[in-house]
Amino acid sequence: MIVAVYKSSKKADTYLYIAKRDDFSPVPKQLLETFGKAKFVMLVPLTKRDLAMADKEKVMAKIREQGFYLQMPPPEVDLLKEFKQNQEKE
């Protein structure tokens, strides 16, 4: 399966995977409004390549089910909170 990957112009480190380049018809209008202008990044052959920040099997399944996959950035780590929790344990 070859998918087109787009980067969000509004949300940092947020990517949209779709089955056909420039065919955003399966993507809900509200999501596209939040996503902002989609900047084409690349075409990716998922059957031949692993992804750095997403499980390729999950991406393919979501594209088959709903026509797209939205990759969100990982949650930020609150280092101060972790430090305080570690201090409490000692």
C-alpha atoms as a PDB file:
ATOM      1  CA  MET A   1       0.000   0.000   0.000  1.00  0.00           C
ATOM      2  CA  ILE A   2       1.389   3.392  -1.023  1.00  0.00           C
ATOM      3  CA  VAL A   3       0.103   6.381   0.940  1.00  0.00           C
ATOM      4  CA  ALA A   4       0.504  10.132   0.662  1.00  0.00           C
ATOM      5  CA  VAL A   5       1.752  11.949   3.754  1.00  0.00           C
ATOM      6  CA  TYR A   6       0.921  15.575   4.529  1.00  0.00           C
ATOM      7  CA  LYS A   7       2.193  17.880   7.270  1.00  0.00           C
ATOM      8  CA  SER A   8      -0.133  20.250   9.120  1.00  0.00           C
ATOM      9  CA  SER A   9       0.455  23.981   8.744  1.00  0.00           C
ATOM     10  CA  LYS A  10      -1.304  24.646  12.078  1.00  0.00           C
ATOM     11  CA  LYS A  11      -0.280  21.790  14.368  1.00  0.00           C
ATOM     12  CA  ALA A  12       3.398  21.011  14.959  1.00  0.00           C
ATOM     13  CA  ASP A  13       4.505  17.421  14.287  1.00  0.00           C
ATOM     14  CA  THR A  14       1.036  16.425  13.056  1.00  0.00           C
ATOM     15  CA  TYR A  15       0.738  14.357   9.871  1.00  0.00           C
ATOM     16  CA  LEU A  16      -2.147  13.082   7.767  1.00  0.00           C
ATOM     17  CA  TYR A  17      -1.865   9.852   5.769  1.00  0.00           C
ATOM     18  CA  ILE A  18      -4.292   9.273   2.895  1.00  0.00           C
ATOM     19  CA  ALA A  19      -4.636   6.576   0.235  1.00  0.00           C
ATOM     20  CA  LYS A  20      -4.457   8.850  -2.828  1.00  0.00           C
ATOM     21  CA  ARG A  21      -2.389  11.984  -3.251  1.00  0.00           C
ATOM     22  CA  ASP A  22      -4.496  15.158  -3.001  1.00  0.00           C
ATOM     23  CA  ASP A  23      -7.738  13.193  -2.405  1.00  0.00           C
ATOM     24  CA  PHE A  24      -8.964  14.512   0.947  1.00  0.00           C
ATOM     25  CA  SER A  25     -12.573  13.380   0.384  1.00  0.00           C
ATOM     26  CA  PRO A  26     -12.488  10.733   3.187  1.00  0.00           C
ATOM     27  CA  VAL A  27     -11.210  13.272   5.736  1.00  0.00           C
ATOM     28  CA  PRO A  28     -13.902  15.046   7.786  1.00  0.00           C
ATOM     29  CA  LYS A  29     -14.211  18.740   6.957  1.00  0.00           C
ATOM     30  CA  GLN A  30     -13.792  19.762  10.610  1.00  0.00           C
ATOM     31  CA  LEU A  31     -10.521  17.831  10.844  1.00  0.00           C
ATOM     32  CA  LEU A  32      -9.207  19.531   7.705  1.00  0.00           C
ATOM     33  CA  GLU A  33     -10.077  22.939   9.148  1.00  0.00           C
ATOM     34  CA  THR A  34      -8.178  22.137  12.353  1.00  0.00           C
ATOM     35  CA  PHE A  35      -5.294  20.579  10.406  1.00  0.00           C
ATOM     36  CA  GLY A  36      -4.825  23.691   8.278  1.00  0.00           C
ATOM     37  CA  LYS A  37      -3.202  23.764   4.876  1.00  0.00           C
ATOM     38  CA  ALA A  38      -1.883  20.296   4.124  1.00  0.00           C
ATOM     39  CA  LYS A  39       1.713  20.402   2.908  1.00  0.00           C
ATOM     40  CA  PHE A  40       2.674  17.354   0.847  1.00  0.00           C
ATOM     41  CA  VAL A  41       5.673  15.562   2.345  1.00  0.00           C
ATOM     42  CA  MET A  42       6.079  12.275   0.449  1.00  0.00           C
ATOM     43  CA  LEU A  43       4.608   9.056  -0.899  1.00  0.00           C
ATOM     44  CA  VAL A  44       5.416   6.074   1.319  1.00  0.00           C
ATOM     45  CA  PRO A  45       5.193   2.388   0.351  1.00  0.00           C
ATOM     46  CA  LEU A  46       4.007   1.023   3.707  1.00  0.00           C
ATOM     47  CA  THR A  47       4.411  -2.612   2.728  1.00  0.00           C
ATOM     48  CA  LYS A  48       8.156  -2.083   2.195  1.00  0.00           C
ATOM     49  CA  ARG A  49       9.020   0.462   4.867  1.00  0.00           C
ATOM     50  CA  ASP A  50       8.651   1.031   8.606  1.00  0.00           C
ATOM     51  CA  LEU A  51       7.539   4.373   9.995  1.00  0.00           C
ATOM     52  CA  ALA A  52       9.468   6.290  12.638  1.00  0.00           C
ATOM     53  CA  MET A  53       6.541   7.526  14.753  1.00  0.00           C
ATOM     54  CA  ALA A  54       3.632   5.233  13.856  1.00  0.00           C
ATOM     55  CA  ASP A  55       2.841   1.535  13.561  1.00  0.00           C
ATOM     56  CA  LYS A  56       2.507   0.846   9.830  1.00  0.00           C
ATOM     57  CA  GLU A  57      -0.055  -1.934  10.410  1.00  0.00           C
ATOM     58  CA  LYS A  58      -2.256   0.467  12.380  1.00  0.00           C
ATOM     59  CA  VAL A  59      -1.848   3.141   9.686  1.00  0.00           C
ATOM     60  CA  MET A  60      -2.891   0.720   6.933  1.00  0.00           C
ATOM     61  CA  ALA A  61      -5.856  -0.539   8.970  1.00  0.00           C
ATOM     62  CA  LYS A  62      -7.118   2.997   9.654  1.00  0.00           C
ATOM     63  CA  ILE A  63      -6.764   3.977   5.994  1.00  0.00           C
ATOM     64  CA  ARG A  64      -8.747   0.887   4.945  1.00  0.00           C
ATOM     65  CA  GLU A  65     -11.437   1.555   7.605  1.00  0.00           C
ATOM     66  CA  GLN A  66     -11.872   5.319   7.450  1.00  0.00           C
ATOM     67  CA  GLY A  67      -9.775   6.484   4.478  1.00  0.00           C
ATOM     68  CA  PHE A  68      -7.138   8.352   6.487  1.00  0.00           C
ATOM     69  CA  TYR A  69      -4.804   8.188   9.479  1.00  0.00           C
ATOM     70  CA  LEU A  70      -3.941  11.158  11.681  1.00  0.00           C
ATOM     71  CA  GLN A  71      -0.539  11.051  13.392  1.00  0.00           C
ATOM     72  CA  MET A  72      -0.372  13.302  16.428  1.00  0.00           C
ATOM     73  CA  PRO A  73       2.860  14.277  18.197  1.00  0.00           C
ATOM     74  CA  PRO A  74       3.765  12.311  21.293  1.00  0.00           C
ATOM     75  CA  PRO A  75       2.730  14.000  24.555  1.00  0.00           C
ATOM     76  CA  GLU A  76       5.322  16.317  26.033  1.00  0.00           C
ATOM     77  CA  VAL A  77       7.134  15.011  29.074  1.00  0.00           C
ATOM     78  CA  ASP A  78       6.875  17.189  32.166  1.00  0.00           C
ATOM     79  CA  LEU A  79      10.378  16.755  33.543  1.00  0.00           C
ATOM     80  CA  LEU A  80       9.702  18.846  36.644  1.00  0.00           C
ATOM     81  CA  LYS A  81       6.697  16.691  37.553  1.00  0.00           C
ATOM     82  CA  GLU A  82       8.720  13.498  37.033  1.00  0.00           C
ATOM     83  CA  PHE A  83      11.547  14.874  39.169  1.00  0.00           C
ATOM     84  CA  LYS A  84       9.163  15.744  41.995  1.00  0.00           C
ATOM     85  CA  GLN A  85       7.573  12.289  41.860  1.00  0.00           C
ATOM     86  CA  ASN A  86      10.985  10.644  42.018  1.00  0.00           C
ATOM     87  CA  GLN A  87      11.943  12.820  44.994  1.00  0.00           C
ATOM     88  CA  GLU A  88       8.795  11.745  46.853  1.00  0.00           C
ATOM     89  CA  LYS A  89       9.663   8.079  46.339  1.00  0.00           C
ATOM     90  CA  GLU A  90      13.111   8.458  47.909  1.00  0.00           C
END
